Amino acid sequence: GGFLPKEDIFEVMKSILASQRDHGNRDVRANARMKYLVHTLGIDNFRSLVESYFGKKIQPWRETAEWKYNDWMGWWEQGDGKLFYGQHVENGRVKDEGDFRLKTALRVLVDRYNLSMIMSPTQSIIFRDIDPKDKDGIDAVLREHGIKPIEEVDPLNRLSMACPALPLCGLAQTEAERLMPSYLERVRALLDKMNVGEEEVLIRMTGCPNGCARPYMAELAFVGDGPKSYQVWLGGSPVLTRTAFPYMAKMKVDDLETTLEPLLAMYIEKRQQFEAFGDFCHRVGAEALEQYANAYTLGSVKA
């Protein structure tokens, strides 16, 4: 890690990309990501490589202010008299399907209001530079095309991410995007059954360990490692400032409830006030979670 004054951010970002461009493994796709270059060189040597492109030393790491995560969905003031609007896109899939016609709605909004779109880091879309007088018209277009306001989107869906996986990715070992909606429904049903439906858990899923949907930062993640099989990762931060740890090497797709219920039961019994699920898992650790799960009787704990 390191510290940069804001005026240097973009030059250092360019230097990082140039380091990966020139020194990353561009021949073997499975080994092409920057994390493998960092692992090979070590963080100190990687920093030195970036500094060689940047032209000066990166300052030592500094403690940062407490981080608040925000996905910027819904309506916000832009700060210059205009508005911006974040449109949740589940798993980043822009489509028309039955009464849900997001693809058509985006075309209508761009044609009618000449809006610019920004892709968000969480697979969604942000419209910017909106004239406040157009707000009601934009809302009307979205409702006419079957798109819910953000307040009606389940927080589990709003926070979740999944990679495309099968059938689109040649590296995928199992499902992700196509399975995630049913997994979220099952997690929602379990939370409600255990009377913790108000909890918002950041869940991510990938079809292979390469982790393109950033599962290793999630509070709860399912990482595909074979047909209908997933690794389970726990303990990432709800504000995305900490990586998760591996909890289970293989979980069959049908074992979601029996795997997750003991974890939620321990969370119910031993959490601290206002403690998020990921923070709880990080605090107690994998060994304590495993011991509790091994001794747990299904159906025995509710909030």
Protein backbone atom coordinates (compact mmCIF):
# COMPACT_ATOMS: atom_id res chain seq x y z
CA GLY A 1 0.00 0.00 0.00
CA GLY A 2 0.91 3.65 -0.08
CA PHE A 3 -0.41 7.22 -0.03
CA LEU A 4 -0.91 9.62 -2.93
CA PRO A 5 -1.97 13.26 -3.07
CA LYS A 6 -5.06 13.52 -5.22
CA GLU A 7 -3.27 15.30 -8.05
CA ASP A 8 -1.10 12.18 -8.61
CA ILE A 9 -3.88 9.57 -8.64
CA PHE A 10 -4.42 9.30 -12.37
CA GLU A 11 -0.70 9.22 -13.21
CA VAL A 12 -0.15 6.41 -10.71
CA MET A 13 -3.17 4.53 -12.09
CA LYS A 14 -1.63 4.80 -15.56
CA SER A 15 1.68 3.56 -14.15
CA ILE A 16 -0.03 0.54 -12.54
CA LEU A 17 -1.75 -0.33 -15.82
CA ALA A 18 1.51 0.10 -17.75
CA SER A 19 3.25 -2.23 -15.29
CA GLN A 20 0.64 -4.91 -15.89
CA ARG A 21 0.69 -4.28 -19.65
CA ASP A 22 4.44 -4.74 -19.93
CA HIS A 23 5.10 -7.36 -17.25
CA GLY A 24 1.86 -9.33 -16.79
CA ASN A 25 1.46 -12.76 -18.37
CA ARG A 26 -0.32 -11.91 -21.61
CA ASP A 27 0.09 -15.39 -23.10
CA VAL A 28 -1.84 -17.51 -20.58
CA ARG A 29 -5.31 -16.14 -19.88
CA ALA A 30 -5.72 -18.01 -16.59
CA ASN A 31 -2.58 -16.28 -15.29
CA ALA A 32 -3.13 -12.88 -16.94
CA ARG A 33 -4.57 -10.92 -14.02
CA MET A 34 -2.55 -8.31 -12.15
CA LYS A 35 -2.89 -10.12 -8.83
CA TYR A 36 -0.65 -12.88 -10.22
CA LEU A 37 1.99 -10.33 -11.19
CA VAL A 38 1.88 -8.87 -7.66
CA HIS A 39 2.15 -12.38 -6.21
CA THR A 40 5.13 -13.21 -8.43
CA LEU A 41 7.06 -10.00 -7.75
CA GLY A 42 5.99 -9.37 -4.16
CA ILE A 43 4.31 -6.14 -3.12
CA ASP A 44 7.58 -4.23 -2.53
CA ASN A 45 9.01 -5.09 -5.94
CA PHE A 46 5.69 -4.33 -7.59
CA ARG A 47 5.63 -0.93 -5.91
CA SER A 48 9.17 -0.27 -7.18
CA LEU A 49 8.09 -1.27 -10.68
CA VAL A 50 5.16 1.16 -10.57
CA GLU A 51 7.46 3.91 -9.24
CA SER A 52 9.79 3.35 -12.21
CA TYR A 53 6.91 4.31 -14.52
CA PHE A 54 5.61 7.05 -12.24
CA GLY A 55 8.99 8.75 -11.88
CA LYS A 56 8.97 9.29 -8.13
CA LYS A 57 8.45 7.45 -4.86
CA ILE A 58 4.99 6.60 -3.54
CA GLN A 59 4.56 7.91 0.00
CA PRO A 60 4.13 5.48 2.94
CA TRP A 61 0.66 4.21 3.84
CA ARG A 62 -1.47 6.45 6.05
CA GLU A 63 -4.46 5.54 8.16
CA THR A 64 -7.69 6.57 6.43
CA ALA A 65 -10.94 7.89 7.83
CA GLU A 66 -13.64 5.30 8.48
CA TRP A 67 -15.05 4.25 5.11
CA LYS A 68 -18.74 4.36 4.26
CA TYR A 69 -19.87 2.24 1.32
CA ASN A 70 -22.46 3.71 -1.05
CA ASP A 71 -23.59 2.28 -4.37
CA TRP A 72 -25.17 5.62 -5.43
CA MET A 73 -28.36 4.00 -6.65
CA GLY A 74 -31.51 6.12 -6.91
CA TRP A 75 -31.67 9.92 -7.14
CA TRP A 76 -28.87 12.23 -5.93
CA GLU A 77 -27.93 15.87 -6.26
CA GLN A 78 -24.85 16.23 -8.44
CA GLY A 79 -23.54 19.39 -6.78
CA ASP A 80 -23.87 21.72 -9.76
CA GLY A 81 -27.64 22.15 -9.81
CA LYS A 82 -28.19 18.95 -11.78
CA LEU A 83 -29.05 15.41 -10.67
CA PHE A 84 -27.69 11.95 -11.26
CA TYR A 85 -29.57 8.67 -11.07
CA GLY A 86 -28.25 5.20 -10.29
CA GLN A 87 -30.12 2.34 -11.96
CA HIS A 88 -29.63 -1.06 -10.36
CA VAL A 89 -28.84 -3.73 -12.97
CA GLU A 90 -28.98 -7.22 -11.52
CA ASN A 91 -25.67 -8.96 -12.25
CA GLY A 92 -25.01 -6.32 -14.93
CA ARG A 93 -27.38 -7.98 -17.41
CA VAL A 94 -29.18 -5.39 -19.57
CA LYS A 95 -32.13 -7.21 -21.14
CA ASP A 96 -35.80 -7.22 -22.09
CA GLU A 97 -37.58 -10.17 -20.52
CA GLY A 98 -41.37 -10.23 -20.30
CA ASP A 99 -42.68 -7.08 -18.62
CA PHE A 100 -39.15 -6.16 -17.48
CA ARG A 101 -37.74 -4.11 -20.38
CA LEU A 102 -34.57 -2.45 -19.15
CA LYS A 103 -32.82 -2.52 -22.52
CA THR A 104 -35.66 -0.66 -24.20
CA ALA A 105 -35.95 1.79 -21.30
CA LEU A 106 -32.28 2.75 -21.58
CA ARG A 107 -32.72 3.44 -25.30
CA VAL A 108 -35.80 5.60 -24.64
CA LEU A 109 -34.02 7.61 -21.92
CA VAL A 110 -30.95 8.28 -24.07
CA ASP A 111 -33.03 9.24 -27.10
CA ARG A 112 -35.52 11.39 -25.21
CA TYR A 113 -33.27 13.12 -22.69
CA ASN A 114 -29.82 12.84 -24.33
CA LEU A 115 -28.37 11.33 -21.15
CA SER A 116 -24.83 10.09 -20.62
CA MET A 117 -24.35 6.72 -18.91
CA ILE A 118 -21.54 5.61 -16.61
CA MET A 119 -20.93 1.96 -15.73
CA SER A 120 -20.62 1.55 -11.97
CA PRO A 121 -18.10 -0.79 -10.27
CA THR A 122 -21.04 -2.90 -9.08
CA GLN A 123 -22.40 -3.77 -12.53
CA SER A 124 -25.03 -1.01 -12.56
CA ILE A 125 -25.56 2.22 -14.52
CA ILE A 126 -25.46 5.88 -13.49
CA PHE A 127 -27.14 8.61 -15.56
CA ARG A 128 -25.52 11.99 -15.02
CA ASP A 129 -26.14 15.66 -15.79
CA ILE A 130 -29.93 15.33 -15.45
CA ASP A 131 -32.05 18.49 -15.50
CA PRO A 132 -34.24 18.41 -12.34
CA LYS A 133 -37.33 19.13 -14.48
CA ASP A 134 -36.80 15.76 -16.22
CA LYS A 135 -36.84 13.70 -13.01
CA ASP A 136 -40.55 12.82 -13.08
CA GLY A 137 -40.43 11.95 -16.78
CA ILE A 138 -37.47 9.62 -16.27
CA ASP A 139 -39.22 7.90 -13.37
CA ALA A 140 -42.31 7.46 -15.55
CA VAL A 141 -40.29 5.85 -18.36
CA LEU A 142 -38.71 3.40 -15.94
CA ARG A 143 -42.07 2.44 -14.38
CA GLU A 144 -43.65 2.04 -17.83
CA HIS A 145 -40.96 -0.50 -18.68
CA GLY A 146 -41.45 -2.57 -15.53
CA ILE A 147 -38.42 -1.34 -13.61
CA LYS A 148 -38.84 -1.05 -9.83
CA PRO A 149 -37.66 2.01 -7.92
CA ILE A 150 -34.56 1.23 -5.85
CA GLU A 151 -36.59 1.31 -2.64
CA GLU A 152 -38.44 -1.80 -3.81
CA VAL A 153 -35.33 -3.80 -4.72
CA ASP A 154 -34.40 -6.41 -2.10
CA PRO A 155 -31.17 -5.27 -0.37
CA LEU A 156 -29.68 -8.73 -0.97
CA ASN A 157 -30.11 -8.22 -4.71
CA ARG A 158 -28.94 -4.63 -4.57
CA LEU A 159 -25.69 -5.60 -2.84
CA SER A 160 -24.99 -8.79 -4.78
CA MET A 161 -22.77 -9.45 -7.77
CA ALA A 162 -22.18 -12.48 -9.97
CA CYS A 163 -19.97 -13.06 -12.99
CA PRO A 164 -21.48 -14.30 -16.30
CA ALA A 165 -19.92 -17.80 -15.95
CA LEU A 166 -21.73 -20.49 -17.97
CA PRO A 167 -22.45 -20.48 -20.87
CA LEU A 168 -20.45 -17.37 -21.79
CA CYS A 169 -17.06 -17.84 -20.10
CA GLY A 170 -14.62 -20.52 -21.15
CA LEU A 171 -13.03 -20.56 -17.69
CA ALA A 172 -16.30 -21.18 -15.80
CA GLN A 173 -16.55 -24.47 -13.90
CA THR A 174 -20.16 -23.97 -12.83
CA GLU A 175 -23.04 -21.45 -12.81
CA ALA A 176 -23.01 -17.95 -11.33
CA GLU A 177 -25.18 -15.28 -13.02
CA ARG A 178 -27.97 -17.71 -13.91
CA LEU A 179 -27.98 -19.31 -10.44
CA MET A 180 -27.56 -16.20 -8.31
CA PRO A 181 -31.23 -15.03 -8.40
CA SER A 182 -32.49 -18.34 -7.00
CA TYR A 183 -29.71 -18.38 -4.39
CA LEU A 184 -30.70 -14.90 -3.23
CA GLU A 185 -34.32 -16.06 -2.95
CA ARG A 186 -33.20 -19.00 -0.84
CA VAL A 187 -31.03 -16.81 1.40
CA ARG A 188 -33.93 -14.36 1.78
CA ALA A 189 -36.27 -17.21 2.78
CA LEU A 190 -33.76 -18.46 5.36
CA LEU A 191 -33.21 -15.00 6.84
CA ASP A 192 -36.96 -14.51 7.16
CA LYS A 193 -37.40 -17.99 8.67
CA MET A 194 -34.79 -17.19 11.34
CA ASN A 195 -36.33 -13.74 12.02
CA VAL A 196 -33.31 -11.78 10.79
CA GLY A 197 -34.87 -10.53 7.59
CA GLU A 198 -33.71 -7.00 8.33
CA GLU A 199 -30.06 -7.99 7.91
CA GLU A 200 -28.31 -6.85 4.73
CA VAL A 201 -25.57 -9.27 3.71
CA LEU A 202 -23.21 -8.54 0.82
CA ILE A 203 -23.17 -11.75 -1.26
CA ARG A 204 -21.16 -12.51 -4.39
CA MET A 205 -20.81 -15.54 -6.67
CA THR A 206 -18.39 -16.61 -9.38
CA GLY A 207 -18.21 -19.63 -11.65
CA CYS A 208 -14.50 -20.23 -11.00
CA PRO A 209 -11.77 -19.18 -8.53
CA ASN A 210 -10.49 -16.36 -10.77
CA GLY A 211 -12.98 -14.17 -8.93
CA CYS A 212 -14.14 -11.68 -11.57
CA ALA A 213 -17.10 -10.55 -9.41
CA ARG A 214 -14.68 -9.82 -6.54
CA PRO A 215 -16.06 -12.55 -4.23
CA TYR A 216 -13.06 -12.42 -1.94
CA MET A 217 -14.21 -9.05 -0.57
CA ALA A 218 -17.80 -10.11 0.16
CA GLU A 219 -19.33 -10.93 3.54
CA LEU A 220 -20.52 -14.22 2.04
CA ALA A 221 -19.24 -15.61 -1.25
CA PHE A 222 -19.72 -18.70 -3.36
CA VAL A 223 -16.76 -19.49 -5.61
CA GLY A 224 -17.33 -22.22 -8.20
CA ASP A 225 -14.76 -25.00 -8.15
CA GLY A 226 -16.55 -27.75 -10.08
CA PRO A 227 -19.93 -28.82 -11.47
CA LYS A 228 -22.63 -27.69 -9.02
CA SER A 229 -19.95 -27.15 -6.35
CA TYR A 230 -18.75 -23.99 -4.59
CA GLN A 231 -16.15 -22.88 -2.11
CA VAL A 232 -17.70 -20.79 0.70
CA TRP A 233 -15.85 -17.64 1.77
CA LEU A 234 -16.77 -15.55 4.81
CA GLY A 235 -15.71 -12.46 6.70
CA GLY A 236 -15.25 -9.77 4.09
CA SER A 237 -16.20 -6.26 5.12
CA PRO A 238 -19.66 -4.82 4.37
CA VAL A 239 -17.83 -1.64 3.35
CA LEU A 240 -15.32 -3.58 1.18
CA THR A 241 -12.20 -2.76 3.19
CA ARG A 242 -11.20 -6.32 4.12
CA THR A 243 -10.81 -9.62 2.30
CA ALA A 244 -12.66 -12.79 3.26
CA PHE A 245 -11.30 -16.15 4.43
CA PRO A 246 -12.07 -19.64 3.07
CA TYR A 247 -14.61 -21.43 5.24
CA MET A 248 -15.63 -24.50 3.24
CA ALA A 249 -13.69 -26.13 0.40
CA LYS A 250 -16.71 -27.69 -1.32
CA MET A 251 -20.43 -27.05 -0.91
CA LYS A 252 -22.90 -28.75 -3.22
CA VAL A 253 -25.44 -26.41 -4.76
CA ASP A 254 -28.35 -28.02 -2.88
CA ASP A 255 -26.67 -27.65 0.52
CA LEU A 256 -27.02 -23.87 0.80
CA GLU A 257 -29.53 -23.85 3.66
CA THR A 258 -27.83 -26.52 5.76
CA THR A 259 -24.50 -24.73 5.34
CA LEU A 260 -25.74 -21.21 6.04
CA GLU A 261 -28.24 -21.83 8.86
CA PRO A 262 -25.60 -22.72 11.53
CA LEU A 263 -23.62 -19.59 10.63
CA LEU A 264 -26.69 -17.40 10.99
CA ALA A 265 -27.62 -19.15 14.24
CA MET A 266 -24.22 -18.39 15.77
CA TYR A 267 -24.52 -14.84 14.47
CA ILE A 268 -27.91 -14.48 16.19
CA GLU A 269 -26.60 -15.82 19.50
CA LYS A 270 -23.18 -14.17 19.70
CA ARG A 271 -23.18 -10.99 17.62
CA GLN A 272 -22.43 -7.62 19.15
CA GLN A 273 -24.81 -4.69 18.87
CA PHE A 274 -25.02 -3.38 15.29
CA GLU A 275 -22.40 -5.93 14.16
CA ALA A 276 -22.64 -6.89 10.49
CA PHE A 277 -22.51 -10.54 9.45
CA GLY A 278 -19.13 -10.18 7.74
CA ASP A 279 -17.63 -8.35 10.72
CA PHE A 280 -18.95 -11.06 13.05
CA CYS A 281 -17.42 -13.87 10.97
CA HIS A 282 -14.11 -12.01 10.85
CA ARG A 283 -14.14 -11.49 14.63
CA VAL A 284 -14.90 -15.08 15.66
CA GLY A 285 -12.92 -16.79 12.88
CA ALA A 286 -13.26 -19.97 10.83
CA GLU A 287 -12.41 -22.42 13.62
CA ALA A 288 -15.14 -21.14 15.97
CA LEU A 289 -17.68 -21.12 13.14
CA GLU A 290 -16.81 -24.70 12.19
CA GLN A 291 -17.05 -25.92 15.80
CA TYR A 292 -20.45 -24.31 16.25
CA ALA A 293 -21.74 -25.66 12.93
CA ASN A 294 -20.64 -29.21 13.73
CA ALA A 295 -22.60 -29.15 17.00
CA TYR A 296 -25.64 -27.30 15.66
CA THR A 297 -29.09 -28.85 15.30
CA LEU A 298 -31.02 -27.52 12.30
CA GLY A 299 -34.09 -25.49 13.27
CA SER A 300 -32.99 -24.93 16.85
CA VAL A 301 -32.22 -21.18 16.77
CA LYS A 302 -34.27 -18.15 15.74
CA ALA A 303 -33.90 -14.50 16.65
